PDB file of N, CA and C in Angstrom:
ATOM      1  N   MET A   1       0.599  -1.115  -0.131  1.00  0.00           N
ATOM      2  CA  MET A   1       0.012  -0.618   0.122  1.00  0.00           C
ATOM      3  C   MET A   1       1.021   1.152  -0.076  1.00  0.00           C
ATOM      4  N   PRO A   2       0.452   1.763  -0.887  1.00  0.00           N
ATOM      5  CA  PRO A   2       1.304   3.175  -0.691  1.00  0.00           C
ATOM      6  C   PRO A   2       0.650   3.953   0.494  1.00  0.00           C
ATOM      7  N   LYS A   3       1.822   5.739   0.783  1.00  0.00           N
ATOM      8  CA  LYS A   3       2.917   6.006   1.952  1.00  0.00           C
ATOM      9  C   LYS A   3       2.426   7.462   1.904  1.00  0.00           C
ATOM     10  N   VAL A   4       1.612   8.044   1.715  1.00  0.00           N
ATOM     11  CA  VAL A   4       1.430   9.943   1.668  1.00  0.00           C
ATOM     12  C   VAL A   4       2.523  10.232   2.196  1.00  0.00           C
ATOM     13  N   THR A   5       3.004  11.289   2.971  1.00  0.00           N
ATOM     14  CA  THR A   5       3.585  12.082   3.825  1.00  0.00           C
ATOM     15  C   THR A   5       4.269  13.527   3.528  1.00  0.00           C
ATOM     16  N   PHE A   6       3.850  14.326   4.276  1.00  0.00           N
ATOM     17  CA  PHE A   6       3.405  15.408   4.362  1.00  0.00           C
ATOM     18  C   PHE A   6       4.796  16.338   4.963  1.00  0.00           C
ATOM     19  N   LYS A   7       5.676  17.150   5.023  1.00  0.00           N
ATOM     20  CA  LYS A   7       6.343  17.656   5.912  1.00  0.00           C
ATOM     21  C   LYS A   7       5.799  19.482   6.281  1.00  0.00           C
ATOM     22  N   GLU A   8       5.051  19.200   7.235  1.00  0.00           N
ATOM     23  CA  GLU A   8       3.735  20.082   7.477  1.00  0.00           C
ATOM     24  C   GLU A   8       4.065  21.298   7.078  1.00  0.00           C
ATOM     25  N   ASP A   9       5.881  21.248   8.480  1.00  0.00           N
ATOM     26  CA  ASP A   9       6.000  22.612   8.877  1.00  0.00           C
ATOM     27  C   ASP A   9       6.316  23.660   7.811  1.00  0.00           C
ATOM     28  N   LEU A  10       6.485  22.453   6.287  1.00  0.00           N
ATOM     29  CA  LEU A  10       7.493  23.480   5.497  1.00  0.00           C
ATOM     30  C   LEU A  10       6.463  24.346   4.610  1.00  0.00           C
ATOM     31  N   CYS A  11       5.256  23.346   4.540  1.00  0.00           N
ATOM     32  CA  CYS A  11       3.053  23.129   3.846  1.00  0.00           C
ATOM     33  C   CYS A  11       3.389  25.123   3.405  1.00  0.00           C
ATOM     34  N   LYS A  12       2.877  25.427   2.776  1.00  0.00           N
ATOM     35  CA  LYS A  12       2.847  27.180   2.212  1.00  0.00           C
ATOM     36  C   LYS A  12       1.411  27.507   1.742  1.00  0.00           C
ATOM     37  N   GLY A  13       0.998  25.551   2.230  1.00  0.00           N
ATOM     38  CA  GLY A  13      -0.857  26.210   1.356  1.00  0.00           C
ATOM     39  C   GLY A  13      -1.365  26.451   0.617  1.00  0.00           C
ATOM     40  N   CYS A  14      -0.679  26.329  -0.418  1.00  0.00           N
ATOM     41  CA  CYS A  14      -1.141  26.828  -2.185  1.00  0.00           C
ATOM     42  C   CYS A  14      -2.008  26.298  -2.479  1.00  0.00           C
ATOM     43  N   GLU A  15      -2.466  24.660  -1.940  1.00  0.00           N
ATOM     44  CA  GLU A  15      -3.667  23.664  -2.302  1.00  0.00           C
ATOM     45  C   GLU A  15      -3.141  22.968  -3.913  1.00  0.00           C
ATOM     46  N   LEU A  16      -1.891  23.435  -4.387  1.00  0.00           N
ATOM     47  CA  LEU A  16      -2.324  22.806  -5.705  1.00  0.00           C
ATOM     48  C   LEU A  16      -2.422  21.348  -5.855  1.00  0.00           C
ATOM     49  N   CYS A  17      -1.614  20.469  -4.083  1.00  0.00           N
ATOM     50  CA  CYS A  17      -2.178  19.454  -4.007  1.00  0.00           C
ATOM     51  C   CYS A  17      -3.021  18.502  -4.415  1.00  0.00           C
ATOM     52  N   THR A  18      -4.459  19.742  -3.616  1.00  0.00           N
ATOM     53  CA  THR A  18      -5.490  19.217  -3.045  1.00  0.00           C
ATOM     54  C   THR A  18      -6.063  19.233  -4.501  1.00  0.00           C
ATOM     55  N   THR A  19      -6.241  19.616  -5.987  1.00  0.00           N
ATOM     56  CA  THR A  19      -6.517  20.475  -6.784  1.00  0.00           C
ATOM     57  C   THR A  19      -5.841  18.683  -7.667  1.00  0.00           C
ATOM     58  N   VAL A  20      -4.641  17.410  -7.526  1.00  0.00           N
ATOM     59  CA  VAL A  20      -4.318  16.961  -8.880  1.00  0.00           C
ATOM     60  C   VAL A  20      -4.978  15.804  -7.935  1.00  0.00           C
ATOM     61  N   CYS A  21      -5.056  15.678  -7.567  1.00  0.00           N
ATOM     62  CA  CYS A  21      -5.519  14.137  -6.120  1.00  0.00           C
ATOM     63  C   CYS A  21      -6.817  13.654  -6.683  1.00  0.00           C
ATOM     64  N   PRO A  22      -6.540  12.287  -7.767  1.00  0.00           N
ATOM     65  CA  PRO A  22      -7.442  11.755  -8.271  1.00  0.00           C
ATOM     66  C   PRO A  22      -8.510  11.039  -7.385  1.00  0.00           C
ATOM     67  N   LYS A  23      -8.219  10.937  -6.273  1.00  0.00           N
ATOM     68  CA  LYS A  23      -9.398  10.249  -5.666  1.00  0.00           C
ATOM     69  C   LYS A  23     -10.097  11.549  -4.265  1.00  0.00           C
ATOM     70  N   HIS A  24      -8.813  12.638  -5.002  1.00  0.00           N
ATOM     71  CA  HIS A  24      -9.229  13.985  -4.033  1.00  0.00           C
ATOM     72  C   HIS A  24      -9.528  13.049  -2.017  1.00  0.00           C
ATOM     73  N   ILE A  25      -8.533  12.961  -1.266  1.00  0.00           N
ATOM     74  CA  ILE A  25      -7.720  12.610  -0.476  1.00  0.00           C
ATOM     75  C   ILE A  25      -6.891  13.435   0.103  1.00  0.00           C
ATOM     76  N   VAL A  26      -6.612  14.383  -1.106  1.00  0.00           N
ATOM     77  CA  VAL A  26      -5.099  15.193  -0.122  1.00  0.00           C
ATOM     78  C   VAL A  26      -6.357  16.640   0.048  1.00  0.00           C
ATOM     79  N   VAL A  27      -6.813  16.684   1.425  1.00  0.00           N
ATOM     80  CA  VAL A  27      -7.163  18.595   2.158  1.00  0.00           C
ATOM     81  C   VAL A  27      -6.510  18.945   2.794  1.00  0.00           C
ATOM     82  N   MET A  28      -6.525  20.668   2.406  1.00  0.00           N
ATOM     83  CA  MET A  28      -6.140  21.631   3.786  1.00  0.00           C
ATOM     84  C   MET A  28      -6.125  20.615   5.293  1.00  0.00           C
ATOM     85  N   ALA A  29      -5.750  21.106   6.479  1.00  0.00           N
ATOM     86  CA  ALA A  29      -6.052  20.801   7.107  1.00  0.00           C
ATOM     87  C   ALA A  29      -6.563  22.289   7.629  1.00  0.00           C
ATOM     88  N   LYS A  30      -7.586  22.186   8.660  1.00  0.00           N
ATOM     89  CA  LYS A  30      -9.049  23.047   8.993  1.00  0.00           C
ATOM     90  C   LYS A  30      -9.028  23.572  11.045  1.00  0.00           C
ATOM     91  N   ASP A  31      -8.359  22.477  11.363  1.00  0.00           N
ATOM     92  CA  ASP A  31      -7.818  22.516  12.386  1.00  0.00           C
ATOM     93  C   ASP A  31      -6.371  22.577  13.588  1.00  0.00           C
ATOM     94  N   ARG A  32      -5.387  23.206  11.858  1.00  0.00           N
ATOM     95  CA  ARG A  32      -4.325  23.422  12.978  1.00  0.00           C
ATOM     96  C   ARG A  32      -3.525  23.922  11.824  1.00  0.00           C
ATOM     97  N   ILE A  33      -2.243  25.650  12.253  1.00  0.00           N
ATOM     98  CA  ILE A  33      -1.104  26.346  11.567  1.00  0.00           C
ATOM     99  C   ILE A  33      -0.667  25.306  12.090  1.00  0.00           C
ATOM    100  N   ASN A  34       0.660  25.412  10.872  1.00  0.00           N
ATOM    101  CA  ASN A  34       1.765  25.173  11.014  1.00  0.00           C
ATOM    102  C   ASN A  34       3.062  26.537  11.360  1.00  0.00           C
ATOM    103  N   ALA A  35       3.791  25.445  11.110  1.00  0.00           N
ATOM    104  CA  ALA A  35       5.760  27.155  12.205  1.00  0.00           C
ATOM    105  C   ALA A  35       5.042  28.339  11.228  1.00  0.00           C
ATOM    106  N   LYS A  36       4.929  27.811   9.686  1.00  0.00           N
ATOM    107  CA  LYS A  36       4.610  28.741   8.798  1.00  0.00           C
ATOM    108  C   LYS A  36       3.810  29.631   9.174  1.00  0.00           C
ATOM    109  N   GLY A  37       2.396  29.482   9.704  1.00  0.00           N
ATOM    110  CA  GLY A  37       1.224  30.604   9.884  1.00  0.00           C
ATOM    111  C   GLY A  37       0.527  29.489   8.803  1.00  0.00           C
ATOM    112  N   PHE A  38       0.023  28.771   8.325  1.00  0.00           N
ATOM    113  CA  PHE A  38      -0.803  28.097   6.926  1.00  0.00           C
ATOM    114  C   PHE A  38      -1.833  27.013   7.262  1.00  0.00           C
ATOM    115  N   ASN A  39      -2.860  26.799   7.234  1.00  0.00           N
ATOM    116  CA  ASN A  39      -2.961  26.007   6.884  1.00  0.00           C
ATOM    117  C   ASN A  39      -2.695  24.254   6.533  1.00  0.00           C
ATOM    118  N   PRO A  40      -2.258  23.413   6.836  1.00  0.00           N
ATOM    119  CA  PRO A  40      -1.195  22.352   6.245  1.00  0.00           C
ATOM    120  C   PRO A  40      -2.139  21.508   5.260  1.00  0.00           C
ATOM    121  N   ALA A  41      -0.813  21.355   4.429  1.00  0.00           N
ATOM    122  CA  ALA A  41      -1.674  19.476   3.351  1.00  0.00           C
ATOM    123  C   ALA A  41      -1.858  18.804   3.949  1.00  0.00           C
ATOM    124  N   HIS A  42      -2.580  17.338   4.209  1.00  0.00           N
ATOM    125  CA  HIS A  42      -3.051  16.653   4.289  1.00  0.00           C
ATOM    126  C   HIS A  42      -3.185  14.735   3.923  1.00  0.00           C
ATOM    127  N   VAL A  43      -3.505  13.813   4.608  1.00  0.00           N
ATOM    128  CA  VAL A  43      -3.974  12.612   2.847  1.00  0.00           C
ATOM    129  C   VAL A  43      -5.080  12.260   4.224  1.00  0.00           C
ATOM    130  N   VAL A  44      -6.733  12.387   3.890  1.00  0.00           N
ATOM    131  CA  VAL A  44      -7.281  11.124   4.541  1.00  0.00           C
ATOM    132  C   VAL A  44      -8.009  11.064   4.451  1.00  0.00           C
ATOM    133  N   GLU A  45      -8.279   9.223   5.260  1.00  0.00           N
ATOM    134  CA  GLU A  45      -8.497   7.884   3.999  1.00  0.00           C
ATOM    135  C   GLU A  45      -6.795   7.718   3.060  1.00  0.00           C
ATOM    136  N   GLN A  46      -6.023   8.051   3.939  1.00  0.00           N
ATOM    137  CA  GLN A  46      -4.662   6.855   3.269  1.00  0.00           C
ATOM    138  C   GLN A  46      -4.492   6.282   2.758  1.00  0.00           C
ATOM    139  N   GLU A  47      -5.321   4.920   3.348  1.00  0.00           N
ATOM    140  CA  GLU A  47      -5.784   3.456   1.934  1.00  0.00           C
ATOM    141  C   GLU A  47      -6.450   3.345   1.219  1.00  0.00           C
ATOM    142  N   LYS A  48      -7.029   4.873   0.811  1.00  0.00           N
ATOM    143  CA  LYS A  48      -7.347   4.690  -1.056  1.00  0.00           C
ATOM    144  C   LYS A  48      -6.029   5.430  -1.766  1.00  0.00           C
ATOM    145  N   CYS A  49      -5.397   5.460  -1.285  1.00  0.00           N
ATOM    146  CA  CYS A  49      -3.952   6.866  -1.751  1.00  0.00           C
ATOM    147  C   CYS A  49      -3.835   5.206  -2.857  1.00  0.00           C
ATOM    148  N   ILE A  50      -3.489   5.767  -3.821  1.00  0.00           N
ATOM    149  CA  ILE A  50      -3.152   4.867  -5.451  1.00  0.00           C
ATOM    150  C   ILE A  50      -2.262   4.947  -5.259  1.00  0.00           C
ATOM    151  N   GLY A  51      -0.560   5.658  -4.928  1.00  0.00           N
ATOM    152  CA  GLY A  51       0.046   5.830  -5.314  1.00  0.00           C
ATOM    153  C   GLY A  51       0.994   7.091  -6.768  1.00  0.00           C
ATOM    154  N   CYS A  52      -0.333   7.359  -7.300  1.00  0.00           N
ATOM    155  CA  CYS A  52       0.256   8.540  -8.635  1.00  0.00           C
ATOM    156  C   CYS A  52       0.796   9.164  -7.982  1.00  0.00           C
ATOM    157  N   ALA A  53       1.974   9.923  -7.083  1.00  0.00           N
ATOM    158  CA  ALA A  53       2.717  10.601  -6.718  1.00  0.00           C
ATOM    159  C   ALA A  53       2.381  12.224  -7.375  1.00  0.00           C
ATOM    160  N   PHE A  54       0.613  12.429  -7.877  1.00  0.00           N
ATOM    161  CA  PHE A  54       1.321  13.166  -8.796  1.00  0.00           C
ATOM    162  C   PHE A  54       1.145  14.860  -7.362  1.00  0.00           C
ATOM    163  N   CYS A  55       1.002  14.411  -6.522  1.00  0.00           N
ATOM    164  CA  CYS A  55       0.488  15.600  -5.100  1.00  0.00           C
ATOM    165  C   CYS A  55       2.211  16.430  -4.884  1.00  0.00           C
ATOM    166  N   ALA A  56       3.592  15.609  -4.717  1.00  0.00           N
ATOM    167  CA  ALA A  56       5.138  15.244  -4.468  1.00  0.00           C
ATOM    168  C   ALA A  56       4.785  15.713  -6.246  1.00  0.00           C
ATOM    169  N   THR A  57       4.567  16.027  -7.280  1.00  0.00           N
ATOM    170  CA  THR A  57       4.928  16.226  -8.265  1.00  0.00           C
ATOM    171  C   THR A  57       4.784  17.538  -8.389  1.00  0.00           C
ATOM    172  N   ILE A  58       3.591  18.421  -8.186  1.00  0.00           N
ATOM    173  CA  ILE A  58       2.785  19.242  -8.706  1.00  0.00           C
ATOM    174  C   ILE A  58       3.371  19.879  -7.626  1.00  0.00           C
ATOM    175  N   CYS A  59       3.649  19.464  -6.102  1.00  0.00           N
ATOM    176  CA  CYS A  59       4.507  21.222  -4.906  1.00  0.00           C
ATOM    177  C   CYS A  59       6.008  21.471  -5.963  1.00  0.00           C
ATOM    178  N   PRO A  60       5.625  22.984  -5.595  1.00  0.00           N
ATOM    179  CA  PRO A  60       6.747  23.317  -5.462  1.00  0.00           C
ATOM    180  C   PRO A  60       7.857  23.537  -4.517  1.00  0.00           C
ATOM    181  N   ASP A  61       7.572  23.139  -2.784  1.00  0.00           N
ATOM    182  CA  ASP A  61       8.599  22.964  -2.187  1.00  0.00           C
ATOM    183  C   ASP A  61       8.381  21.924  -1.711  1.00  0.00           C
ATOM    184  N   THR A  62       7.939  20.157  -1.930  1.00  0.00           N
ATOM    185  CA  THR A  62       9.068  18.599  -2.135  1.00  0.00           C
ATOM    186  C   THR A  62       8.802  18.804  -0.805  1.00  0.00           C
ATOM    187  N   VAL A  63       7.401  18.880  -0.962  1.00  0.00           N
ATOM    188  CA  VAL A  63       6.263  18.712   1.260  1.00  0.00           C
ATOM    189  C   VAL A  63       6.280  17.000   1.217  1.00  0.00           C
ATOM    190  N   ILE A  64       5.734  16.712   0.039  1.00  0.00           N
ATOM    191  CA  ILE A  64       5.006  15.537  -0.031  1.00  0.00           C
ATOM    192  C   ILE A  64       6.196  14.191  -0.193  1.00  0.00           C
ATOM    193  N   GLU A  65       5.948  13.300  -0.118  1.00  0.00           N
ATOM    194  CA  GLU A  65       6.807  11.663  -0.494  1.00  0.00           C
ATOM    195  C   GLU A  65       5.650  11.264  -0.108  1.00  0.00           C
ATOM    196  N   VAL A  66       5.982  10.465  -0.995  1.00  0.00           N
ATOM    197  CA  VAL A  66       5.017   9.348  -2.441  1.00  0.00           C
ATOM    198  C   VAL A  66       6.535   7.674  -2.204  1.00  0.00           C
ATOM    199  N   GLU A  67       6.098   7.052  -0.631  1.00  0.00           N
ATOM    200  CA  GLU A  67       6.470   5.699  -0.882  1.00  0.00           C
ATOM    201  C   GLU A  67       5.340   4.776  -1.484  1.00  0.00           C
ATOM    202  N   LYS A  68       6.108   3.633  -2.495  1.00  0.00           N
ATOM    203  CA  LYS A  68       5.367   2.497  -2.511  1.00  0.00           C
ATOM    204  C   LYS A  68       5.929   1.653  -1.806  1.00  0.00           C
TER     205      LYS A  68
END
């Protein structure tokens, strides 16, 4: 099963990753703010991830890592 991890403290909240996920499981956290003052992206329902790595590819700050 693929595993997606985010370096949440480096996320600038641009939301690009949320627009490319074919399973719509990458969302912005509404309940926390990171060290930069943004709501970071994270994955809900990790088990639905197909490991396409679109989110990691589009991230301008290399915040996302996908392990297959």
